[in-house]
Amino acid sequence: MTIEDLLTYLTNDKTGLFLFFILLPIITVIITIASAGRSLEKPYSYLFSGLLFVVCIPGVLSITLWIYSMFFERKAIWQLPFFVYYLPIIIMAICIYILKKKRIPIRRLPWSGELYEFLVLSIITFASILIMMKLDIVNFQYPWQLGIFSVFCLGTFRLLWKRMASLR
């Protein structure tokens, strides 16, 4: 499986992707209205943290894929599919804007430190896999093979990250 095959696989079901990403800001607004100033209380803080994970992970992966396509593939901006490259970034920005507008302290939410760590490790993992696929170091036949390899790489990088952090 090449990177182009992966992008084709992701863009085959555009309505599913569109509905998923359009529901995220709606859910954000509903949760912020329901919390009504109690954003740091237990059920709402965990909902906001989970929502941030669901919004930020595809957005950051999309940014990484966008940078890869621009610098390594040398594609023009108008050649990139909207639903894979731009929609996750736009929805991530909208959801974070809604949370900031409602004065929800993102840094005080549970797991926010883990979110930043996970996003950095995701960028490193995803960029490494893209480069390995570009150099034909690894070749995947099916998307599930890519998923298993991604989880393995993410776990390895996380273990290395923890080891490096313990050396300080």
C-alpha atoms as a PDB file:
ATOM      1  CA  MET A   1       0.000   0.000   0.000  1.00  0.00           C
ATOM      2  CA  THR A   2       1.387   3.372  -0.993  1.00  0.00           C
ATOM      3  CA  ILE A   3       0.555   6.730   0.500  1.00  0.00           C
ATOM      4  CA  GLU A   4      -1.705   7.442  -2.464  1.00  0.00           C
ATOM      5  CA  ASP A   5      -3.603   4.189  -1.814  1.00  0.00           C
ATOM      6  CA  LEU A   6      -4.056   5.218   1.804  1.00  0.00           C
ATOM      7  CA  LEU A   7      -5.409   8.625   0.789  1.00  0.00           C
ATOM      8  CA  THR A   8      -7.756   7.012  -1.724  1.00  0.00           C
ATOM      9  CA  TYR A   9      -8.957   4.625   0.969  1.00  0.00           C
ATOM     10  CA  LEU A  10      -9.631   7.535   3.340  1.00  0.00           C
ATOM     11  CA  THR A  11     -11.470   9.639   0.769  1.00  0.00           C
ATOM     12  CA  ASN A  12     -13.754   6.858  -0.502  1.00  0.00           C
ATOM     13  CA  ASP A  13     -16.352   7.522   2.196  1.00  0.00           C
ATOM     14  CA  LYS A  14     -16.600  11.299   2.123  1.00  0.00           C
ATOM     15  CA  THR A  15     -20.005  11.470   3.827  1.00  0.00           C
ATOM     16  CA  GLY A  16     -18.752   9.491   6.819  1.00  0.00           C
ATOM     17  CA  LEU A  17     -15.717  11.743   7.223  1.00  0.00           C
ATOM     18  CA  PHE A  18     -17.799  14.877   6.706  1.00  0.00           C
ATOM     19  CA  LEU A  19     -20.438  13.860   9.267  1.00  0.00           C
ATOM     20  CA  PHE A  20     -17.783  12.867  11.802  1.00  0.00           C
ATOM     21  CA  PHE A  21     -15.963  16.178  11.526  1.00  0.00           C
ATOM     22  CA  ILE A  22     -19.131  18.300  11.406  1.00  0.00           C
ATOM     23  CA  LEU A  23     -20.512  16.625  14.537  1.00  0.00           C
ATOM     24  CA  LEU A  24     -17.424  17.528  16.576  1.00  0.00           C
ATOM     25  CA  PRO A  25     -18.101  21.320  16.822  1.00  0.00           C
ATOM     26  CA  ILE A  26     -21.773  20.607  17.494  1.00  0.00           C
ATOM     27  CA  ILE A  27     -20.833  18.263  20.347  1.00  0.00           C
ATOM     28  CA  THR A  28     -18.381  20.886  21.635  1.00  0.00           C
ATOM     29  CA  VAL A  29     -21.093  23.532  21.756  1.00  0.00           C
ATOM     30  CA  ILE A  30     -23.551  21.149  23.446  1.00  0.00           C
ATOM     31  CA  ILE A  31     -21.029  20.159  26.131  1.00  0.00           C
ATOM     32  CA  THR A  32     -20.012  23.780  26.787  1.00  0.00           C
ATOM     33  CA  ILE A  33     -23.654  24.776  27.170  1.00  0.00           C
ATOM     34  CA  ALA A  34     -24.365  21.815  29.442  1.00  0.00           C
ATOM     35  CA  SER A  35     -21.316  22.499  31.628  1.00  0.00           C
ATOM     36  CA  ALA A  36     -22.350  26.146  32.232  1.00  0.00           C
ATOM     37  CA  GLY A  37     -19.266  27.254  34.139  1.00  0.00           C
ATOM     38  CA  ARG A  38     -18.529  23.882  35.713  1.00  0.00           C
ATOM     39  CA  SER A  39     -15.923  22.887  33.144  1.00  0.00           C
ATOM     40  CA  LEU A  40     -13.400  21.668  35.708  1.00  0.00           C
ATOM     41  CA  GLU A  41     -15.857  19.438  37.559  1.00  0.00           C
ATOM     42  CA  LYS A  42     -15.501  15.731  37.087  1.00  0.00           C
ATOM     43  CA  PRO A  43     -17.748  14.578  34.260  1.00  0.00           C
ATOM     44  CA  TYR A  44     -17.318  17.704  32.152  1.00  0.00           C
ATOM     45  CA  SER A  45     -13.542  17.920  32.465  1.00  0.00           C
ATOM     46  CA  TYR A  46     -13.177  14.348  31.207  1.00  0.00           C
ATOM     47  CA  LEU A  47     -15.605  15.032  28.359  1.00  0.00           C
ATOM     48  CA  PHE A  48     -13.589  18.087  27.322  1.00  0.00           C
ATOM     49  CA  SER A  49     -10.341  16.110  27.513  1.00  0.00           C
ATOM     50  CA  GLY A  50     -11.753  13.284  25.402  1.00  0.00           C
ATOM     51  CA  LEU A  51     -13.105  15.797  22.922  1.00  0.00           C
ATOM     52  CA  LEU A  52      -9.691  17.438  22.648  1.00  0.00           C
ATOM     53  CA  PHE A  53      -8.104  14.058  21.905  1.00  0.00           C
ATOM     54  CA  VAL A  54     -10.714  13.278  19.238  1.00  0.00           C
ATOM     55  CA  VAL A  55     -10.276  16.687  17.608  1.00  0.00           C
ATOM     56  CA  CYS A  56      -6.513  17.211  17.892  1.00  0.00           C
ATOM     57  CA  ILE A  57      -5.218  13.818  16.777  1.00  0.00           C
ATOM     58  CA  PRO A  58      -6.730  13.915  13.247  1.00  0.00           C
ATOM     59  CA  GLY A  59      -5.874  17.613  12.986  1.00  0.00           C
ATOM     60  CA  VAL A  60      -2.219  17.119  13.847  1.00  0.00           C
ATOM     61  CA  LEU A  61      -1.948  14.061  11.594  1.00  0.00           C
ATOM     62  CA  SER A  62      -3.503  16.090   8.805  1.00  0.00           C
ATOM     63  CA  ILE A  63      -0.975  18.884   9.345  1.00  0.00           C
ATOM     64  CA  THR A  64       1.852  16.336   9.200  1.00  0.00           C
ATOM     65  CA  LEU A  65       0.442  14.812   6.025  1.00  0.00           C
ATOM     66  CA  TRP A  66       0.014  18.272   4.512  1.00  0.00           C
ATOM     67  CA  ILE A  67       3.634  19.204   5.238  1.00  0.00           C
ATOM     68  CA  TYR A  68       4.803  15.869   3.847  1.00  0.00           C
ATOM     69  CA  SER A  69       2.804  16.341   0.641  1.00  0.00           C
ATOM     70  CA  MET A  70       4.052  19.872   0.141  1.00  0.00           C
ATOM     71  CA  PHE A  71       7.744  19.199   0.747  1.00  0.00           C
ATOM     72  CA  PHE A  72       8.322  15.568  -0.242  1.00  0.00           C
ATOM     73  CA  GLU A  73       5.666  14.965  -2.900  1.00  0.00           C
ATOM     74  CA  ARG A  74       5.781  18.550  -4.221  1.00  0.00           C
ATOM     75  CA  LYS A  75       2.035  18.666  -4.742  1.00  0.00           C
ATOM     76  CA  ALA A  76       0.153  21.864  -5.359  1.00  0.00           C
ATOM     77  CA  ILE A  77      -2.341  23.035  -2.767  1.00  0.00           C
ATOM     78  CA  TRP A  78      -5.363  22.520  -5.051  1.00  0.00           C
ATOM     79  CA  GLN A  79      -4.394  18.878  -5.716  1.00  0.00           C
ATOM     80  CA  LEU A  80      -4.858  17.876  -2.074  1.00  0.00           C
ATOM     81  CA  PRO A  81      -8.225  16.322  -1.085  1.00  0.00           C
ATOM     82  CA  PHE A  82     -10.199  18.652   1.169  1.00  0.00           C
ATOM     83  CA  PHE A  83     -11.609  15.959   3.451  1.00  0.00           C
ATOM     84  CA  VAL A  84      -8.198  14.567   4.420  1.00  0.00           C
ATOM     85  CA  TYR A  85      -5.965  17.637   4.408  1.00  0.00           C
ATOM     86  CA  TYR A  86      -8.062  20.645   5.313  1.00  0.00           C
ATOM     87  CA  LEU A  87     -11.284  19.616   7.068  1.00  0.00           C
ATOM     88  CA  PRO A  88      -9.573  18.110  10.171  1.00  0.00           C
ATOM     89  CA  ILE A  89      -7.429  21.236  10.589  1.00  0.00           C
ATOM     90  CA  ILE A  90     -10.413  23.561  10.230  1.00  0.00           C
ATOM     91  CA  ILE A  91     -12.533  21.556  12.678  1.00  0.00           C
ATOM     92  CA  MET A  92      -9.658  21.380  15.183  1.00  0.00           C
ATOM     93  CA  ALA A  93      -9.276  25.169  15.027  1.00  0.00           C
ATOM     94  CA  ILE A  94     -13.040  25.708  15.400  1.00  0.00           C
ATOM     95  CA  CYS A  95     -13.352  23.392  18.404  1.00  0.00           C
ATOM     96  CA  ILE A  96     -10.349  24.900  20.195  1.00  0.00           C
ATOM     97  CA  TYR A  97     -11.711  28.384  19.438  1.00  0.00           C
ATOM     98  CA  ILE A  98     -15.086  27.433  20.965  1.00  0.00           C
ATOM     99  CA  LEU A  99     -13.380  26.119  24.097  1.00  0.00           C
ATOM    100  CA  LYS A 100     -11.220  29.247  24.395  1.00  0.00           C
ATOM    101  CA  LYS A 101     -14.225  31.505  23.787  1.00  0.00           C
ATOM    102  CA  LYS A 102     -16.129  29.807  26.625  1.00  0.00           C
ATOM    103  CA  ARG A 103     -13.066  30.346  28.860  1.00  0.00           C
ATOM    104  CA  ILE A 104     -12.374  26.678  29.478  1.00  0.00           C
ATOM    105  CA  PRO A 105      -8.816  26.319  30.846  1.00  0.00           C
ATOM    106  CA  ILE A 106      -7.392  23.638  28.557  1.00  0.00           C
ATOM    107  CA  ARG A 107      -4.133  23.317  30.514  1.00  0.00           C
ATOM    108  CA  ARG A 108      -6.059  22.498  33.709  1.00  0.00           C
ATOM    109  CA  LEU A 109      -8.092  19.696  32.123  1.00  0.00           C
ATOM    110  CA  PRO A 110      -7.102  16.127  32.974  1.00  0.00           C
ATOM    111  CA  TRP A 111      -4.690  14.462  30.561  1.00  0.00           C
ATOM    112  CA  SER A 112      -3.708  17.731  28.881  1.00  0.00           C
ATOM    113  CA  GLY A 113      -0.009  16.991  29.473  1.00  0.00           C
ATOM    114  CA  GLU A 114      -0.493  13.523  28.033  1.00  0.00           C
ATOM    115  CA  LEU A 115      -2.270  15.074  25.051  1.00  0.00           C
ATOM    116  CA  TYR A 116       0.727  17.244  24.206  1.00  0.00           C
ATOM    117  CA  GLU A 117       3.088  14.300  24.659  1.00  0.00           C
ATOM    118  CA  PHE A 118       0.875  12.070  22.522  1.00  0.00           C
ATOM    119  CA  LEU A 119       0.610  14.667  19.760  1.00  0.00           C
ATOM    120  CA  VAL A 120       4.389  15.076  19.604  1.00  0.00           C
ATOM    121  CA  LEU A 121       4.858  11.311  19.509  1.00  0.00           C
ATOM    122  CA  SER A 122       2.132  11.016  16.844  1.00  0.00           C
ATOM    123  CA  ILE A 123       3.884  13.549  14.648  1.00  0.00           C
ATOM    124  CA  ILE A 124       7.194  11.730  15.035  1.00  0.00           C
ATOM    125  CA  THR A 125       5.587   8.334  14.361  1.00  0.00           C
ATOM    126  CA  PHE A 126       3.521   9.476  11.400  1.00  0.00           C
ATOM    127  CA  ALA A 127       6.398  11.376   9.804  1.00  0.00           C
ATOM    128  CA  SER A 128       8.713   8.390  10.272  1.00  0.00           C
ATOM    129  CA  ILE A 129       6.199   6.019   8.685  1.00  0.00           C
ATOM    130  CA  LEU A 130       5.615   8.389   5.767  1.00  0.00           C
ATOM    131  CA  ILE A 131       9.333   8.667   5.128  1.00  0.00           C
ATOM    132  CA  MET A 132       9.768   4.875   5.400  1.00  0.00           C
ATOM    133  CA  MET A 133       6.914   4.384   2.927  1.00  0.00           C
ATOM    134  CA  LYS A 134       8.390   6.962   0.569  1.00  0.00           C
ATOM    135  CA  LEU A 135      11.807   5.261   0.650  1.00  0.00           C
ATOM    136  CA  ASP A 136      10.161   1.816   0.203  1.00  0.00           C
ATOM    137  CA  ILE A 137      11.652   0.532   3.443  1.00  0.00           C
ATOM    138  CA  VAL A 138       8.264  -0.874   4.440  1.00  0.00           C
ATOM    139  CA  ASN A 139       5.405  -1.869   2.166  1.00  0.00           C
ATOM    140  CA  PHE A 140       1.892  -2.530   3.407  1.00  0.00           C
ATOM    141  CA  GLN A 141      -0.699  -4.544   1.508  1.00  0.00           C
ATOM    142  CA  TYR A 142      -3.680  -3.686   3.734  1.00  0.00           C
ATOM    143  CA  PRO A 143      -4.608  -0.741   5.979  1.00  0.00           C
ATOM    144  CA  TRP A 144      -4.683  -2.944   9.110  1.00  0.00           C
ATOM    145  CA  GLN A 145      -0.986  -3.717   8.607  1.00  0.00           C
ATOM    146  CA  LEU A 146      -0.286   0.007   8.605  1.00  0.00           C
ATOM    147  CA  GLY A 147      -2.342   0.369  11.783  1.00  0.00           C
ATOM    148  CA  ILE A 148      -0.481  -2.388  13.616  1.00  0.00           C
ATOM    149  CA  PHE A 149       2.888  -0.989  12.517  1.00  0.00           C
ATOM    150  CA  SER A 150       1.815   2.505  13.622  1.00  0.00           C
ATOM    151  CA  VAL A 151       0.829   1.262  17.080  1.00  0.00           C
ATOM    152  CA  PHE A 152       4.136  -0.622  17.350  1.00  0.00           C
ATOM    153  CA  CYS A 153       6.142   2.478  16.338  1.00  0.00           C
ATOM    154  CA  LEU A 154       4.137   4.715  18.658  1.00  0.00           C
ATOM    155  CA  GLY A 155       4.738   2.336  21.558  1.00  0.00           C
ATOM    156  CA  THR A 156       8.452   2.183  20.786  1.00  0.00           C
ATOM    157  CA  PHE A 157       8.753   5.964  20.566  1.00  0.00           C
ATOM    158  CA  ARG A 158       6.765   6.345  23.806  1.00  0.00           C
ATOM    159  CA  LEU A 159       9.100   3.935  25.581  1.00  0.00           C
ATOM    160  CA  LEU A 160      12.118   5.872  24.279  1.00  0.00           C
ATOM    161  CA  TRP A 161      10.475   9.160  25.298  1.00  0.00           C
ATOM    162  CA  LYS A 162       9.961   7.904  28.864  1.00  0.00           C
ATOM    163  CA  ARG A 163      13.543   6.601  29.027  1.00  0.00           C
ATOM    164  CA  MET A 164      14.922   9.944  27.876  1.00  0.00           C
ATOM    165  CA  ALA A 165      12.723  11.801  30.361  1.00  0.00           C
ATOM    166  CA  SER A 166      13.954   9.609  33.218  1.00  0.00           C
ATOM    167  CA  LEU A 167      17.581  10.436  32.395  1.00  0.00           C
ATOM    168  CA  ARG A 168      17.142  14.065  33.462  1.00  0.00           C
END
